[in-house]
Amino acid sequence: MKKIFIDGKEGTTGLRIFERLGERKDIEIITLSDELRKDPAARKEALNKCDIAFLCLPDVAAKESVSMIENDNVVVIDTSTAHRTDPEWCYGFPELSAEHENKLKTSKRIAVPGCHASGFISLVYPLVEKGIISPDLLLSCHSITGYSGGGKKMIAEYSSDDRCVCLDSPRQYGITQQHKHLKEMVAVSGITNAPCFCPIVSDFYSGMLVTVPLFKEQLNSGYTSEDIKKAYSEKYCGEIVKYEENIDVSGFVASNKLSGKDSMIVSVSGNEDRILLMALYDNLGKGASGAAIQCMNMRMGIDKTIGLVL
């Protein structure tokens, strides 16, 4: 039986991981009392006596936790931004390639992908890999997310009885084009330029729809939207990430369609001149906690879908 410690289980991601793992019979969760959960000595002891440590913390705190680990056998699964572009860490999106999957199965340092980044990378990585688009292509991307992606503070704001009227409408943010996910979007997808990225938070709890638009002229010579569909259908045919056609209902695609799920749907719409690449999933599922649990399962060498809602 594996011993698991969740450092930061009081946050949105940590709590969801804790709830999912609490139903498992193959693991033992190490917990700290409220008095000790921020005590450095208690955290260090827990981090070093567990088999797998989930870090659900801000970047600085996550790095601090890693520095506390002296036991070489501890596997770390970090949900923060701190290590996603660190070449010494495994990027936890095994569906991207056999190389990503094999590294995940043996790595002791695993970085869980960011929610927005997961969708963008799932769409762009295969096209760069197949030579359908050039790495230096200038791209744009917009992403609609539920408010749970903003953590406890934002959830409280949206749930308040006297909330601001501004929360009734979708709100674009990251307007300085310095969103923290941009670095991994570039580093992992294989492109050389950061996309023009427009994230939007809206008045629903969870779910995410990431869209990357392309003009036909942006594809390398000889390629069409059919080649994109073929690349996706060949790569994404597993239990967790799948390619599907026609994900709309009467011309609309609901961003919360996969709320509560740990799966992802990749699709292509538009026409031959203007192509829409879309990734649909839950920001708390394949965009956070679900991805973390999948990484844990694969690192343990068991069925990757155990404990997931698909």
Protein backbone atom coordinates (compact mmCIF):
# COMPACT_ATOMS: atom_id res chain seq x y z
CA MET A 1 0.00 0.00 0.00
CA LYS A 2 1.40 3.37 -1.05
CA LYS A 3 1.56 6.24 1.43
CA ILE A 4 0.36 9.56 -0.01
CA PHE A 5 0.82 13.06 1.39
CA ILE A 6 -1.02 16.07 -0.06
CA ASP A 7 0.86 19.24 0.85
CA GLY A 8 -1.80 21.93 0.52
CA LYS A 9 -4.93 19.78 0.55
CA GLU A 10 -7.07 22.71 1.74
CA GLY A 11 -6.97 24.41 -1.68
CA THR A 12 -9.34 23.67 -4.55
CA THR A 13 -7.01 21.23 -6.34
CA GLY A 14 -5.73 19.57 -3.17
CA LEU A 15 -9.21 19.10 -1.74
CA ARG A 16 -10.46 17.43 -4.90
CA ILE A 17 -7.46 15.08 -4.95
CA PHE A 18 -8.04 14.28 -1.26
CA GLU A 19 -11.72 13.53 -1.85
CA ARG A 20 -10.97 11.25 -4.80
CA LEU A 21 -8.19 9.37 -3.01
CA GLY A 22 -10.24 9.03 0.17
CA GLU A 23 -12.31 6.38 -1.58
CA ARG A 24 -9.30 4.29 -2.58
CA LYS A 25 -8.34 1.07 -0.78
CA ASP A 26 -4.87 0.77 -2.30
CA ILE A 27 -3.35 3.84 -0.65
CA GLU A 28 -2.92 5.39 2.79
CA ILE A 29 -3.20 9.16 3.09
CA ILE A 30 -0.91 10.90 5.56
CA THR A 31 -2.72 13.86 7.11
CA LEU A 32 -1.66 16.69 9.39
CA SER A 33 -3.87 18.45 11.91
CA ASP A 34 -4.85 22.07 11.35
CA GLU A 35 -2.26 23.05 13.95
CA LEU A 36 0.55 21.26 12.11
CA ARG A 37 -0.30 21.63 8.42
CA LYS A 38 1.80 24.82 8.13
CA ASP A 39 4.49 23.69 10.57
CA PRO A 40 7.74 23.22 8.58
CA ALA A 41 9.01 20.34 10.74
CA ALA A 42 5.73 18.42 10.49
CA ARG A 43 5.52 18.98 6.73
CA LYS A 44 9.11 17.86 6.26
CA GLU A 45 8.49 14.68 8.20
CA ALA A 46 5.39 13.87 6.14
CA LEU A 47 7.13 14.70 2.86
CA ASN A 48 9.94 12.28 3.67
CA LYS A 49 7.93 9.35 4.97
CA CYS A 50 5.43 9.19 2.08
CA ASP A 51 5.85 7.32 -1.20
CA ILE A 52 4.14 9.98 -3.30
CA ALA A 53 3.77 13.66 -2.42
CA PHE A 54 1.23 15.90 -4.15
CA LEU A 55 2.13 19.59 -4.00
CA CYS A 56 -0.96 21.80 -4.24
CA LEU A 57 0.72 25.03 -3.32
CA PRO A 58 1.81 28.41 -4.71
CA ASP A 59 5.07 28.26 -6.67
CA VAL A 60 7.36 29.49 -3.90
CA ALA A 61 5.89 27.09 -1.36
CA ALA A 62 6.11 24.20 -3.84
CA LYS A 63 9.83 24.84 -4.34
CA GLU A 64 10.26 25.00 -0.59
CA SER A 65 8.56 21.62 -0.19
CA VAL A 66 10.84 20.02 -2.79
CA SER A 67 13.87 21.39 -0.93
CA MET A 68 12.68 19.63 2.24
CA ILE A 69 12.70 16.18 0.66
CA GLU A 70 15.77 14.14 1.56
CA ASN A 71 14.32 10.71 0.87
CA ASP A 72 15.41 9.73 -2.66
CA ASN A 73 12.50 7.33 -3.01
CA VAL A 74 9.77 9.97 -2.76
CA VAL A 75 7.88 10.70 -5.98
CA VAL A 76 6.70 14.32 -6.26
CA ILE A 77 3.65 15.36 -8.30
CA ASP A 78 3.55 19.15 -8.38
CA THR A 79 0.34 20.91 -9.47
CA SER A 80 1.88 24.40 -9.34
CA THR A 81 3.58 26.34 -12.14
CA ALA A 82 6.98 26.05 -10.47
CA HIS A 83 8.49 23.12 -12.40
CA ARG A 84 6.53 22.79 -15.66
CA THR A 85 9.35 24.03 -17.87
CA ASP A 86 12.17 22.49 -15.84
CA PRO A 87 13.90 19.90 -18.09
CA GLU A 88 14.70 17.80 -15.03
CA TRP A 89 10.97 17.30 -14.42
CA CYS A 90 8.52 15.19 -16.38
CA TYR A 91 5.64 17.08 -17.97
CA GLY A 92 2.58 15.07 -16.99
CA PHE A 93 0.67 14.82 -20.28
CA PRO A 94 1.38 11.24 -21.38
CA GLU A 95 -0.99 11.36 -24.37
CA LEU A 96 1.39 13.65 -26.25
CA SER A 97 3.89 10.94 -27.18
CA ALA A 98 5.41 7.61 -26.19
CA GLU A 99 8.38 9.57 -24.88
CA HIS A 100 6.15 11.57 -22.51
CA GLU A 101 4.39 8.40 -21.36
CA ASN A 102 7.58 6.43 -20.75
CA LYS A 103 9.20 9.28 -18.84
CA LEU A 104 6.14 9.61 -16.63
CA LYS A 105 6.23 5.94 -15.67
CA THR A 106 9.75 6.23 -14.26
CA SER A 107 10.14 9.85 -13.14
CA LYS A 108 10.31 10.92 -9.50
CA ARG A 109 9.57 14.55 -10.34
CA ILE A 110 6.34 15.14 -12.25
CA ALA A 111 4.79 18.53 -13.12
CA VAL A 112 1.03 18.53 -13.70
CA PRO A 113 0.12 20.70 -16.74
CA GLY A 114 -1.70 23.99 -16.30
CA CYS A 115 -5.41 24.07 -17.11
CA HIS A 116 -5.31 26.51 -20.06
CA ALA A 117 -2.00 25.09 -21.23
CA SER A 118 -3.39 21.55 -21.40
CA GLY A 119 -5.87 22.50 -24.10
CA PHE A 120 -3.48 24.63 -26.13
CA ILE A 121 -0.69 22.04 -26.06
CA SER A 122 -3.04 19.17 -26.92
CA LEU A 123 -4.06 21.10 -30.06
CA VAL A 124 -0.71 22.49 -31.19
CA TYR A 125 1.82 19.78 -30.28
CA PRO A 126 0.60 17.23 -32.86
CA LEU A 127 0.59 19.82 -35.66
CA VAL A 128 4.19 20.85 -35.00
CA GLU A 129 5.18 17.21 -34.59
CA LYS A 130 3.67 16.25 -37.97
CA GLY A 131 4.98 19.35 -39.77
CA ILE A 132 1.45 20.60 -40.47
CA ILE A 133 2.37 24.01 -39.05
CA SER A 134 5.78 25.62 -38.63
CA PRO A 135 7.19 26.09 -35.10
CA ASP A 136 7.61 29.83 -35.69
CA LEU A 137 3.98 30.35 -36.73
CA LEU A 138 2.24 33.23 -34.92
CA LEU A 139 -0.82 31.81 -33.17
CA SER A 140 -3.74 33.10 -31.16
CA CYS A 141 -5.82 31.29 -28.57
CA HIS A 142 -8.85 31.95 -26.42
CA SER A 143 -9.96 29.90 -23.45
CA ILE A 144 -13.25 30.02 -21.53
CA THR A 145 -13.11 28.64 -17.98
CA GLY A 146 -15.37 28.19 -15.01
CA TYR A 147 -14.67 30.35 -11.97
CA SER A 148 -13.33 27.47 -9.86
CA GLY A 149 -10.06 27.93 -11.72
CA GLY A 150 -9.52 31.09 -9.64
CA GLY A 151 -9.37 29.14 -6.38
CA LYS A 152 -11.15 29.66 -3.09
CA LYS A 153 -11.20 33.46 -3.25
CA MET A 154 -12.86 33.59 -6.66
CA ILE A 155 -15.28 30.79 -5.78
CA ALA A 156 -16.35 32.79 -2.73
CA GLU A 157 -16.82 35.92 -4.85
CA TYR A 158 -19.05 34.14 -7.36
CA SER A 159 -20.98 32.30 -4.64
CA SER A 160 -21.70 35.39 -2.53
CA ASP A 161 -25.31 36.54 -2.19
CA ASP A 162 -24.22 40.17 -2.62
CA ARG A 163 -21.69 39.61 -5.38
CA CYS A 164 -20.68 42.36 -7.78
CA VAL A 165 -22.90 42.72 -10.85
CA CYS A 166 -19.76 42.54 -13.01
CA LEU A 167 -19.61 38.80 -12.28
CA ASP A 168 -22.80 38.26 -14.25
CA SER A 169 -20.94 38.54 -17.54
CA PRO A 170 -17.86 36.75 -18.93
CA ARG A 171 -14.62 38.54 -17.98
CA GLN A 172 -11.43 38.50 -19.99
CA TYR A 173 -8.20 38.62 -17.99
CA GLY A 174 -4.48 38.18 -18.59
CA ILE A 175 -4.79 41.34 -20.67
CA THR A 176 -1.09 42.25 -20.31
CA GLN A 177 -0.24 39.05 -22.21
CA GLN A 178 1.88 37.81 -19.30
CA HIS A 179 -0.25 34.84 -18.23
CA LYS A 180 1.76 32.32 -16.21
CA HIS A 181 0.82 29.42 -18.53
CA LEU A 182 2.45 31.00 -21.58
CA LYS A 183 5.92 29.65 -20.81
CA GLU A 184 4.81 26.03 -20.79
CA MET A 185 2.54 26.58 -23.79
CA VAL A 186 5.63 27.56 -25.76
CA ALA A 187 8.12 25.12 -24.24
CA VAL A 188 6.01 21.97 -24.46
CA SER A 189 4.15 22.50 -27.74
CA GLY A 190 7.39 23.12 -29.65
CA ILE A 191 6.61 26.61 -30.92
CA THR A 192 9.04 29.51 -30.74
CA ASN A 193 6.64 32.42 -30.17
CA ALA A 194 4.10 32.86 -27.39
CA PRO A 195 0.54 32.96 -28.73
CA CYS A 196 -1.73 35.96 -28.34
CA PHE A 197 -3.71 34.45 -25.47
CA CYS A 198 -7.16 35.56 -24.29
CA PRO A 199 -8.42 33.69 -21.20
CA ILE A 200 -12.01 34.35 -20.14
CA VAL A 201 -13.64 33.45 -16.81
CA SER A 202 -17.41 33.05 -16.78
CA ASP A 203 -20.30 32.42 -14.42
CA PHE A 204 -20.24 28.62 -14.18
CA TYR A 205 -18.37 26.48 -11.66
CA SER A 206 -16.14 24.29 -13.77
CA GLY A 207 -15.39 23.37 -17.35
CA MET A 208 -13.10 24.69 -20.06
CA LEU A 209 -13.07 25.22 -23.81
CA VAL A 210 -9.78 26.17 -25.48
CA THR A 211 -9.85 27.27 -29.13
CA VAL A 212 -6.96 27.91 -31.52
CA PRO A 213 -8.08 29.44 -34.88
CA LEU A 214 -6.08 28.91 -38.04
CA PHE A 215 -6.28 30.26 -41.58
CA LYS A 216 -5.67 27.78 -44.39
CA GLU A 217 -2.66 29.87 -45.39
CA GLN A 218 -1.06 29.17 -42.00
CA LEU A 219 -0.78 25.46 -42.76
CA ASN A 220 2.37 24.25 -44.43
CA SER A 221 2.07 23.57 -48.16
CA GLY A 222 -0.06 20.57 -49.06
CA TYR A 223 -1.84 20.21 -45.74
CA THR A 224 -5.57 20.65 -45.09
CA SER A 225 -7.97 20.40 -42.17
CA GLU A 226 -8.37 16.71 -42.99
CA ASP A 227 -4.71 16.19 -42.15
CA ILE A 228 -5.30 17.85 -38.79
CA LYS A 229 -8.23 15.56 -38.08
CA LYS A 230 -6.14 12.54 -39.04
CA ALA A 231 -3.30 13.62 -36.73
CA TYR A 232 -5.69 14.07 -33.81
CA SER A 233 -7.64 10.85 -34.41
CA GLU A 234 -4.42 8.83 -34.53
CA LYS A 235 -2.92 10.39 -31.41
CA TYR A 236 -6.00 10.83 -29.24
CA CYS A 237 -7.83 7.53 -29.23
CA GLY A 238 -7.45 6.49 -25.60
CA GLU A 239 -9.81 6.35 -22.66
CA ILE A 240 -8.99 9.81 -21.31
CA VAL A 241 -8.23 12.00 -24.34
CA LYS A 242 -10.25 11.35 -27.49
CA TYR A 243 -10.80 12.98 -30.86
CA GLU A 244 -14.44 13.52 -31.75
CA GLU A 245 -16.18 15.23 -34.62
CA ASN A 246 -19.22 17.47 -34.29
CA ILE A 247 -19.08 18.32 -30.59
CA ASP A 248 -21.56 21.17 -31.02
CA VAL A 249 -25.28 21.10 -30.31
CA SER A 250 -27.15 23.14 -32.93
CA GLY A 251 -23.99 25.12 -33.64
CA PHE A 252 -23.12 25.81 -29.99
CA VAL A 253 -20.32 24.26 -27.90
CA ALA A 254 -20.90 24.49 -24.15
CA SER A 255 -17.72 25.16 -22.17
CA ASN A 256 -19.05 23.21 -19.18
CA LYS A 257 -20.01 20.10 -21.16
CA LEU A 258 -17.38 17.98 -19.36
CA SER A 259 -17.77 19.56 -15.92
CA GLY A 260 -17.08 16.94 -13.27
CA LYS A 261 -15.23 14.70 -15.75
CA ASP A 262 -11.51 13.89 -16.01
CA SER A 263 -11.54 13.34 -19.76
CA MET A 264 -10.78 15.62 -22.70
CA ILE A 265 -12.31 15.88 -26.17
CA VAL A 266 -10.27 17.30 -29.06
CA SER A 267 -12.14 18.41 -32.17
CA VAL A 268 -11.89 20.39 -35.41
CA SER A 269 -14.55 22.68 -36.84
CA GLY A 270 -14.79 25.65 -39.21
CA ASN A 271 -14.17 25.17 -42.91
CA GLU A 272 -11.28 24.76 -45.33
CA ASP A 273 -10.42 28.48 -45.22
CA ARG A 274 -10.85 29.15 -41.48
CA ILE A 275 -10.24 26.25 -39.13
CA LEU A 276 -11.14 26.04 -35.44
CA LEU A 277 -9.16 23.67 -33.21
CA MET A 278 -10.97 22.95 -29.95
CA ALA A 279 -10.17 21.17 -26.69
CA LEU A 280 -13.05 20.57 -24.27
CA TYR A 281 -12.49 19.40 -20.66
CA ASP A 282 -12.89 20.36 -17.00
CA ASN A 283 -10.39 22.85 -15.58
CA LEU A 284 -10.49 20.84 -12.33
CA GLY A 285 -10.34 17.48 -14.13
CA LYS A 286 -7.85 16.92 -16.95
CA GLY A 287 -6.85 20.53 -16.26
CA ALA A 288 -5.79 19.86 -12.64
CA SER A 289 -6.77 17.16 -10.13
CA GLY A 290 -7.79 14.51 -12.63
CA ALA A 291 -4.48 14.86 -14.45
CA ALA A 292 -2.61 14.60 -11.14
CA ILE A 293 -4.38 11.37 -10.20
CA GLN A 294 -3.77 9.96 -13.68
CA CYS A 295 -0.05 10.73 -13.25
CA MET A 296 -0.05 8.97 -9.87
CA ASN A 297 -1.77 5.87 -11.27
CA MET A 298 0.68 5.59 -14.15
CA ARG A 299 3.66 6.10 -11.87
CA MET A 300 2.31 3.32 -9.63
CA GLY A 301 2.03 1.03 -12.66
CA ILE A 302 -1.72 0.50 -12.31
CA ASP A 303 -4.72 1.26 -14.54
CA LYS A 304 -4.46 4.97 -15.29
CA THR A 305 -8.23 5.46 -15.06
CA ILE A 306 -8.68 4.24 -11.46
CA GLY A 307 -10.42 6.93 -9.43
CA LEU A 308 -11.18 9.05 -12.49
CA VAL A 309 -14.62 10.08 -13.73
CA LEU A 310 -14.70 9.62 -17.51
